[in-house]
Amino acid sequence: MVKQQTILLSLILLFSVDSFCQNQKTEQKTYQAIDPKAKTILDKVSEKNKAFKTIEAEFVIIVENKQDKSKDSKKCKIWIKENKYKIDLASSIIFNDGKTQWTYMQDANEVNVITPDPNDDSSLNPAKMFTIYEKGYKIRFINEKFENTRALYEIELYPIDLKKDFTKITLKIDKTKMQIFSMKRFGKDGTDYYIEVVKIDTDKEMADNLFTFDKTKYPKVEVNDMRE
């Protein structure tokens, strides 16, 4: 369950608002494996999102197990403001105010508190996850297509590190809105994760306390403070 939630969160955070810089040496090494057309499209999506002050988005997540042919779907919601974010997965809620991260688990009525590492590229930081395509992936433009009268670009990302536990990520970009419409992660273990954007609202007012855990709202919650 923990691994599944981590994968889902990592995928969800691909839709967030900011980007990070890379040095020239890294860019030259990475871009040799990147389809220029695909990169141009993704850069436009990233640039558009960076212009928003806040993002509120709703998603549908489908977890498909090819071995037993089972499917599980759920809805989730994310709020993003600068380097702050909140993610509601129903069974768990992540609060991050840029300095502290709280993970509240509803069934156990527990919250884990950590200090996120801003220099950790593997951390669940929206500012770093959105531009995942800029580092560690080969990128290929597949085609343009229509789904339910929606014009889409289809792009595939292949991890350069072959030890990753997935083979590729497929992105579909809304050609008119220049926003990510859906994403699918193909797992080596036969489990695929599909995320589709239901709704995106931008530049809404968001109070800073939205991104902090308020203990008074969760009676008898057990707090596990894991900060050093």
C-alpha atoms as a PDB file:
ATOM      1  CA  MET A   1       0.000   0.000   0.000  1.00  0.00           C
ATOM      2  CA  VAL A   2       2.794   2.439   0.882  1.00  0.00           C
ATOM      3  CA  LYS A   3       4.591   1.701  -2.396  1.00  0.00           C
ATOM      4  CA  GLN A   4       1.345   2.166  -4.337  1.00  0.00           C
ATOM      5  CA  GLN A   5       0.637   5.525  -2.694  1.00  0.00           C
ATOM      6  CA  THR A   6       4.192   6.692  -3.382  1.00  0.00           C
ATOM      7  CA  ILE A   7       3.847   5.822  -7.070  1.00  0.00           C
ATOM      8  CA  LEU A   8       0.478   7.550  -7.302  1.00  0.00           C
ATOM      9  CA  LEU A   9       1.763  10.680  -5.587  1.00  0.00           C
ATOM     10  CA  SER A  10       4.817  10.817  -7.812  1.00  0.00           C
ATOM     11  CA  LEU A  11       2.642  10.621 -10.907  1.00  0.00           C
ATOM     12  CA  ILE A  12       0.146  13.158  -9.634  1.00  0.00           C
ATOM     13  CA  LEU A  13       2.888  15.639  -8.903  1.00  0.00           C
ATOM     14  CA  LEU A  14       3.922  15.594 -12.542  1.00  0.00           C
ATOM     15  CA  PHE A  15       1.024  17.987 -13.050  1.00  0.00           C
ATOM     16  CA  SER A  16       2.346  20.681 -10.712  1.00  0.00           C
ATOM     17  CA  VAL A  17       3.513  24.207 -11.145  1.00  0.00           C
ATOM     18  CA  ASP A  18       7.255  24.880 -11.036  1.00  0.00           C
ATOM     19  CA  SER A  19      10.543  23.686 -12.543  1.00  0.00           C
ATOM     20  CA  PHE A  20      14.146  23.303 -11.587  1.00  0.00           C
ATOM     21  CA  CYS A  21      17.413  24.260 -13.257  1.00  0.00           C
ATOM     22  CA  GLN A  22      20.037  21.956 -14.671  1.00  0.00           C
ATOM     23  CA  ASN A  23      23.618  22.779 -15.574  1.00  0.00           C
ATOM     24  CA  GLN A  24      24.745  22.913 -19.186  1.00  0.00           C
ATOM     25  CA  LYS A  25      26.639  19.622 -19.022  1.00  0.00           C
ATOM     26  CA  THR A  26      23.535  17.746 -17.857  1.00  0.00           C
ATOM     27  CA  GLU A  27      21.370  19.356 -20.532  1.00  0.00           C
ATOM     28  CA  GLN A  28      23.733  18.383 -23.337  1.00  0.00           C
ATOM     29  CA  LYS A  29      23.879  14.779 -22.144  1.00  0.00           C
ATOM     30  CA  THR A  30      20.089  14.483 -21.656  1.00  0.00           C
ATOM     31  CA  TYR A  31      18.884  16.293 -24.764  1.00  0.00           C
ATOM     32  CA  GLN A  32      20.738  13.951 -27.107  1.00  0.00           C
ATOM     33  CA  ALA A  33      18.116  11.337 -26.244  1.00  0.00           C
ATOM     34  CA  ILE A  34      15.168  13.710 -26.589  1.00  0.00           C
ATOM     35  CA  ASP A  35      12.886  14.137 -29.592  1.00  0.00           C
ATOM     36  CA  PRO A  36      12.924  17.937 -30.259  1.00  0.00           C
ATOM     37  CA  LYS A  37       9.214  18.010 -31.119  1.00  0.00           C
ATOM     38  CA  ALA A  38       8.282  16.233 -27.905  1.00  0.00           C
ATOM     39  CA  LYS A  39      10.489  18.521 -25.827  1.00  0.00           C
ATOM     40  CA  THR A  40       9.026  21.644 -27.440  1.00  0.00           C
ATOM     41  CA  ILE A  41       5.505  20.538 -26.524  1.00  0.00           C
ATOM     42  CA  LEU A  42       6.432  19.660 -22.928  1.00  0.00           C
ATOM     43  CA  ASP A  43       8.347  22.921 -22.506  1.00  0.00           C
ATOM     44  CA  LYS A  44       5.227  24.846 -23.539  1.00  0.00           C
ATOM     45  CA  VAL A  45       3.129  22.923 -21.013  1.00  0.00           C
ATOM     46  CA  SER A  46       5.695  23.617 -18.287  1.00  0.00           C
ATOM     47  CA  GLU A  47       5.939  27.309 -19.181  1.00  0.00           C
ATOM     48  CA  LYS A  48       2.163  27.714 -19.062  1.00  0.00           C
ATOM     49  CA  ASN A  49       1.901  26.089 -15.647  1.00  0.00           C
ATOM     50  CA  LYS A  50       4.719  28.185 -14.217  1.00  0.00           C
ATOM     51  CA  ALA A  51       2.701  31.305 -15.014  1.00  0.00           C
ATOM     52  CA  PHE A  52      -0.091  30.273 -12.627  1.00  0.00           C
ATOM     53  CA  LYS A  53      -0.005  31.493  -9.036  1.00  0.00           C
ATOM     54  CA  THR A  54      -2.038  28.503  -7.830  1.00  0.00           C
ATOM     55  CA  ILE A  55      -3.404  25.254  -9.264  1.00  0.00           C
ATOM     56  CA  GLU A  56      -6.309  23.148  -8.029  1.00  0.00           C
ATOM     57  CA  ALA A  57      -6.844  19.906  -9.919  1.00  0.00           C
ATOM     58  CA  GLU A  58      -9.057  16.830  -9.748  1.00  0.00           C
ATOM     59  CA  PHE A  59      -7.957  13.438 -11.089  1.00  0.00           C
ATOM     60  CA  VAL A  60      -9.240   9.943 -11.648  1.00  0.00           C
ATOM     61  CA  ILE A  61      -6.674   7.233 -10.906  1.00  0.00           C
ATOM     62  CA  ILE A  62      -6.976   3.685 -12.223  1.00  0.00           C
ATOM     63  CA  VAL A  63      -4.677   0.911 -11.013  1.00  0.00           C
ATOM     64  CA  GLU A  64      -4.753  -2.070 -13.375  1.00  0.00           C
ATOM     65  CA  ASN A  65      -3.227  -5.452 -12.514  1.00  0.00           C
ATOM     66  CA  LYS A  66      -2.627  -7.444 -15.692  1.00  0.00           C
ATOM     67  CA  GLN A  67      -2.043 -10.688 -13.821  1.00  0.00           C
ATOM     68  CA  ASP A  68      -5.456 -10.982 -12.173  1.00  0.00           C
ATOM     69  CA  LYS A  69      -7.106  -8.532 -14.606  1.00  0.00           C
ATOM     70  CA  SER A  70      -8.364  -6.395 -11.739  1.00  0.00           C
ATOM     71  CA  LYS A  71      -8.963  -2.646 -11.802  1.00  0.00           C
ATOM     72  CA  ASP A  72      -9.273  -0.177  -8.960  1.00  0.00           C
ATOM     73  CA  SER A  73     -10.233   3.439  -9.456  1.00  0.00           C
ATOM     74  CA  LYS A  74     -10.314   6.419  -7.134  1.00  0.00           C
ATOM     75  CA  LYS A  75     -10.591  10.182  -7.268  1.00  0.00           C
ATOM     76  CA  CYS A  76      -8.032  12.552  -5.819  1.00  0.00           C
ATOM     77  CA  LYS A  77      -7.437  16.263  -5.556  1.00  0.00           C
ATOM     78  CA  ILE A  78      -4.353  18.469  -5.364  1.00  0.00           C
ATOM     79  CA  TRP A  79      -3.792  22.101  -4.391  1.00  0.00           C
ATOM     80  CA  ILE A  80      -0.529  23.856  -5.271  1.00  0.00           C
ATOM     81  CA  LYS A  81       0.802  27.295  -4.365  1.00  0.00           C
ATOM     82  CA  GLU A  82       4.438  28.127  -5.032  1.00  0.00           C
ATOM     83  CA  ASN A  83       6.419  25.430  -3.179  1.00  0.00           C
ATOM     84  CA  LYS A  84       3.442  24.409  -1.030  1.00  0.00           C
ATOM     85  CA  TYR A  85       0.981  21.624  -1.812  1.00  0.00           C
ATOM     86  CA  LYS A  86      -1.811  19.465  -0.445  1.00  0.00           C
ATOM     87  CA  ILE A  87      -2.894  16.112  -1.876  1.00  0.00           C
ATOM     88  CA  ASP A  88      -6.123  14.365  -0.901  1.00  0.00           C
ATOM     89  CA  LEU A  89      -6.218  10.659  -1.744  1.00  0.00           C
ATOM     90  CA  ALA A  90      -9.228  10.012   0.521  1.00  0.00           C
ATOM     91  CA  SER A  91      -7.443   7.355   2.570  1.00  0.00           C
ATOM     92  CA  SER A  92      -4.508   9.689   3.165  1.00  0.00           C
ATOM     93  CA  ILE A  93      -3.789  13.396   2.922  1.00  0.00           C
ATOM     94  CA  ILE A  94      -0.398  15.022   2.355  1.00  0.00           C
ATOM     95  CA  PHE A  95       0.225  18.563   3.627  1.00  0.00           C
ATOM     96  CA  ASN A  96       3.448  20.371   2.698  1.00  0.00           C
ATOM     97  CA  ASP A  97       4.090  24.030   3.532  1.00  0.00           C
ATOM     98  CA  GLY A  98       7.556  24.058   2.003  1.00  0.00           C
ATOM     99  CA  LYS A  99       9.285  23.441   5.340  1.00  0.00           C
ATOM    100  CA  THR A 100       7.351  20.592   6.942  1.00  0.00           C
ATOM    101  CA  GLN A 101       5.429  17.645   5.496  1.00  0.00           C
ATOM    102  CA  TRP A 102       2.548  15.872   7.244  1.00  0.00           C
ATOM    103  CA  THR A 103       1.102  12.572   5.999  1.00  0.00           C
ATOM    104  CA  TYR A 104      -2.252  11.877   7.606  1.00  0.00           C
ATOM    105  CA  MET A 105      -3.581   8.286   7.399  1.00  0.00           C
ATOM    106  CA  GLN A 106      -7.321   8.276   7.918  1.00  0.00           C
ATOM    107  CA  ASP A 107      -7.837   4.599   8.835  1.00  0.00           C
ATOM    108  CA  ALA A 108      -5.179   4.676  11.548  1.00  0.00           C
ATOM    109  CA  ASN A 109      -5.884   8.283  12.580  1.00  0.00           C
ATOM    110  CA  GLU A 110      -2.134   8.906  12.555  1.00  0.00           C
ATOM    111  CA  VAL A 111       0.043  11.608  11.061  1.00  0.00           C
ATOM    112  CA  ASN A 112       3.736  11.290  10.219  1.00  0.00           C
ATOM    113  CA  VAL A 113       5.750  14.509  10.326  1.00  0.00           C
ATOM    114  CA  ILE A 114       9.016  14.940   8.421  1.00  0.00           C
ATOM    115  CA  THR A 115      11.262  17.708   7.136  1.00  0.00           C
ATOM    116  CA  PRO A 116      11.385  17.339   3.339  1.00  0.00           C
ATOM    117  CA  ASP A 117      14.826  17.559   1.739  1.00  0.00           C
ATOM    118  CA  PRO A 118      14.729  20.260  -0.987  1.00  0.00           C
ATOM    119  CA  ASN A 119      17.844  18.778  -2.590  1.00  0.00           C
ATOM    120  CA  ASP A 120      16.431  15.286  -2.875  1.00  0.00           C
ATOM    121  CA  ASP A 121      15.332  14.742  -6.473  1.00  0.00           C
ATOM    122  CA  SER A 122      13.333  11.678  -5.441  1.00  0.00           C
ATOM    123  CA  SER A 123      11.239  13.581  -2.908  1.00  0.00           C
ATOM    124  CA  LEU A 124       7.557  14.277  -3.554  1.00  0.00           C
ATOM    125  CA  ASN A 125       8.183  17.927  -4.380  1.00  0.00           C
ATOM    126  CA  PRO A 126       5.911  19.392  -7.074  1.00  0.00           C
ATOM    127  CA  ALA A 127       8.569  21.941  -7.992  1.00  0.00           C
ATOM    128  CA  LYS A 128      10.814  19.087  -9.104  1.00  0.00           C
ATOM    129  CA  MET A 129       8.345  16.468 -10.277  1.00  0.00           C
ATOM    130  CA  PHE A 130       6.647  18.472 -13.012  1.00  0.00           C
ATOM    131  CA  THR A 131       9.765  18.627 -15.145  1.00  0.00           C
ATOM    132  CA  ILE A 132      10.638  14.967 -14.753  1.00  0.00           C
ATOM    133  CA  TYR A 133      11.055  14.778 -18.520  1.00  0.00           C
ATOM    134  CA  GLU A 134      14.123  17.051 -18.350  1.00  0.00           C
ATOM    135  CA  LYS A 135      16.278  14.534 -16.535  1.00  0.00           C
ATOM    136  CA  GLY A 136      16.734  10.784 -16.765  1.00  0.00           C
ATOM    137  CA  TYR A 137      14.396  10.034 -19.663  1.00  0.00           C
ATOM    138  CA  LYS A 138      14.487   9.423 -23.368  1.00  0.00           C
ATOM    139  CA  ILE A 139      11.517  11.204 -24.906  1.00  0.00           C
ATOM    140  CA  ARG A 140       9.728  10.378 -28.134  1.00  0.00           C
ATOM    141  CA  PHE A 141       6.839  12.059 -29.941  1.00  0.00           C
ATOM    142  CA  ILE A 142       4.375   9.342 -30.995  1.00  0.00           C
ATOM    143  CA  ASN A 143       1.508  10.998 -32.864  1.00  0.00           C
ATOM    144  CA  GLU A 144      -1.472  13.332 -32.820  1.00  0.00           C
ATOM    145  CA  LYS A 145      -4.875  11.786 -32.192  1.00  0.00           C
ATOM    146  CA  PHE A 146      -8.502  12.518 -31.308  1.00  0.00           C
ATOM    147  CA  GLU A 147     -10.208  11.005 -28.270  1.00  0.00           C
ATOM    148  CA  ASN A 148     -13.797  12.006 -27.521  1.00  0.00           C
ATOM    149  CA  THR A 149     -13.455  14.972 -29.925  1.00  0.00           C
ATOM    150  CA  ARG A 150     -10.363  16.137 -28.027  1.00  0.00           C
ATOM    151  CA  ALA A 151      -7.169  16.823 -30.023  1.00  0.00           C
ATOM    152  CA  LEU A 152      -4.186  15.274 -28.241  1.00  0.00           C
ATOM    153  CA  TYR A 153      -0.429  14.925 -28.578  1.00  0.00           C
ATOM    154  CA  GLU A 154       0.921  11.559 -27.470  1.00  0.00           C
ATOM    155  CA  ILE A 155       4.454  11.438 -26.018  1.00  0.00           C
ATOM    156  CA  GLU A 156       6.377   8.570 -24.435  1.00  0.00           C
ATOM    157  CA  LEU A 157       9.073   8.766 -21.750  1.00  0.00           C
ATOM    158  CA  TYR A 158      11.580   5.916 -21.332  1.00  0.00           C
ATOM    159  CA  PRO A 159      13.772   5.807 -18.206  1.00  0.00           C
ATOM    160  CA  ILE A 160      17.491   5.848 -18.972  1.00  0.00           C
ATOM    161  CA  ASP A 161      18.094   3.872 -15.780  1.00  0.00           C
ATOM    162  CA  LEU A 162      16.959   0.383 -16.782  1.00  0.00           C
ATOM    163  CA  LYS A 163      16.765  -0.636 -13.120  1.00  0.00           C
ATOM    164  CA  LYS A 164      13.591   1.413 -12.703  1.00  0.00           C
ATOM    165  CA  ASP A 165      10.513  -0.671 -11.916  1.00  0.00           C
ATOM    166  CA  PHE A 166       8.597   0.562 -14.968  1.00  0.00           C
ATOM    167  CA  THR A 167       9.236   0.464 -18.711  1.00  0.00           C
ATOM    168  CA  LYS A 168       7.720   3.745 -19.871  1.00  0.00           C
ATOM    169  CA  ILE A 169       5.313   6.599 -19.191  1.00  0.00           C
ATOM    170  CA  THR A 170       2.799   7.697 -21.813  1.00  0.00           C
ATOM    171  CA  LEU A 171       1.627  11.322 -21.710  1.00  0.00           C
ATOM    172  CA  LYS A 172      -1.321  12.734 -23.616  1.00  0.00           C
ATOM    173  CA  ILE A 173      -1.359  16.512 -23.987  1.00  0.00           C
ATOM    174  CA  ASP A 174      -4.493  18.521 -24.761  1.00  0.00           C
ATOM    175  CA  LYS A 175      -3.416  20.300 -27.954  1.00  0.00           C
ATOM    176  CA  THR A 176      -5.808  23.233 -27.491  1.00  0.00           C
ATOM    177  CA  LYS A 177      -5.225  23.887 -23.785  1.00  0.00           C
ATOM    178  CA  MET A 178      -1.569  22.758 -23.738  1.00  0.00           C
ATOM    179  CA  GLN A 179      -2.218  20.860 -20.504  1.00  0.00           C
ATOM    180  CA  ILE A 180      -1.517  17.251 -19.603  1.00  0.00           C
ATOM    181  CA  PHE A 181      -4.747  15.318 -20.135  1.00  0.00           C
ATOM    182  CA  SER A 182      -3.642  11.855 -19.028  1.00  0.00           C
ATOM    183  CA  MET A 183      -0.650   9.769 -18.083  1.00  0.00           C
ATOM    184  CA  LYS A 184      -0.012   6.037 -17.875  1.00  0.00           C
ATOM    185  CA  ARG A 185       2.891   4.309 -16.137  1.00  0.00           C
ATOM    186  CA  PHE A 186       3.662   0.759 -17.307  1.00  0.00           C
ATOM    187  CA  GLY A 187       5.054  -1.323 -14.440  1.00  0.00           C
ATOM    188  CA  LYS A 188       7.414  -4.266 -14.881  1.00  0.00           C
ATOM    189  CA  ASP A 189       5.427  -6.173 -12.255  1.00  0.00           C
ATOM    190  CA  GLY A 190       2.307  -6.119 -14.418  1.00  0.00           C
ATOM    191  CA  THR A 191       0.648  -3.247 -12.564  1.00  0.00           C
ATOM    192  CA  ASP A 192      -0.120  -0.115 -14.599  1.00  0.00           C
ATOM    193  CA  TYR A 193      -1.162   3.265 -13.199  1.00  0.00           C
ATOM    194  CA  TYR A 194      -3.400   5.544 -15.246  1.00  0.00           C
ATOM    195  CA  ILE A 195      -4.255   9.125 -14.293  1.00  0.00           C
ATOM    196  CA  GLU A 196      -6.743  11.340 -16.121  1.00  0.00           C
ATOM    197  CA  VAL A 197      -7.340  14.996 -15.383  1.00  0.00           C
ATOM    198  CA  VAL A 198     -10.979  15.759 -14.653  1.00  0.00           C
ATOM    199  CA  LYS A 199     -10.738  19.450 -13.884  1.00  0.00           C
ATOM    200  CA  ILE A 200      -8.112  22.158 -13.403  1.00  0.00           C
ATOM    201  CA  ASP A 201      -8.737  25.571 -11.815  1.00  0.00           C
ATOM    202  CA  THR A 202      -5.966  28.137 -11.712  1.00  0.00           C
ATOM    203  CA  ASP A 203      -5.128  31.352  -9.852  1.00  0.00           C
ATOM    204  CA  LYS A 204      -7.674  30.765  -7.090  1.00  0.00           C
ATOM    205  CA  GLU A 205      -7.034  32.340  -3.699  1.00  0.00           C
ATOM    206  CA  MET A 206      -5.472  29.826  -1.298  1.00  0.00           C
ATOM    207  CA  ALA A 207      -4.682  30.593   2.321  1.00  0.00           C
ATOM    208  CA  ASP A 208      -1.305  29.374   3.558  1.00  0.00           C
ATOM    209  CA  ASN A 209      -2.927  27.350   6.351  1.00  0.00           C
ATOM    210  CA  LEU A 210      -4.439  25.070   3.686  1.00  0.00           C
ATOM    211  CA  PHE A 211      -1.010  23.453   3.429  1.00  0.00           C
ATOM    212  CA  THR A 212      -0.443  22.811   7.140  1.00  0.00           C
ATOM    213  CA  PHE A 213      -1.851  20.044   9.308  1.00  0.00           C
ATOM    214  CA  ASP A 214      -4.256  21.361  11.944  1.00  0.00           C
ATOM    215  CA  LYS A 215      -4.303  18.862  14.806  1.00  0.00           C
ATOM    216  CA  THR A 216      -7.510  20.343  16.236  1.00  0.00           C
ATOM    217  CA  LYS A 217      -9.447  19.103  13.205  1.00  0.00           C
ATOM    218  CA  TYR A 218      -8.459  15.484  13.864  1.00  0.00           C
ATOM    219  CA  PRO A 219      -9.544  14.452  17.397  1.00  0.00           C
ATOM    220  CA  LYS A 220      -7.275  11.954  19.179  1.00  0.00           C
ATOM    221  CA  VAL A 221      -4.867  11.831  16.223  1.00  0.00           C
ATOM    222  CA  GLU A 222      -1.541  10.128  16.977  1.00  0.00           C
ATOM    223  CA  VAL A 223       1.389  12.310  15.915  1.00  0.00           C
ATOM    224  CA  ASN A 224       4.603  10.571  14.859  1.00  0.00           C
ATOM    225  CA  ASP A 225       7.216  13.315  14.695  1.00  0.00           C
ATOM    226  CA  MET A 226      10.065  11.892  12.617  1.00  0.00           C
ATOM    227  CA  ARG A 227      12.079  15.098  12.381  1.00  0.00           C
ATOM    228  CA  GLU A 228      15.578  15.103  13.813  1.00  0.00           C
END
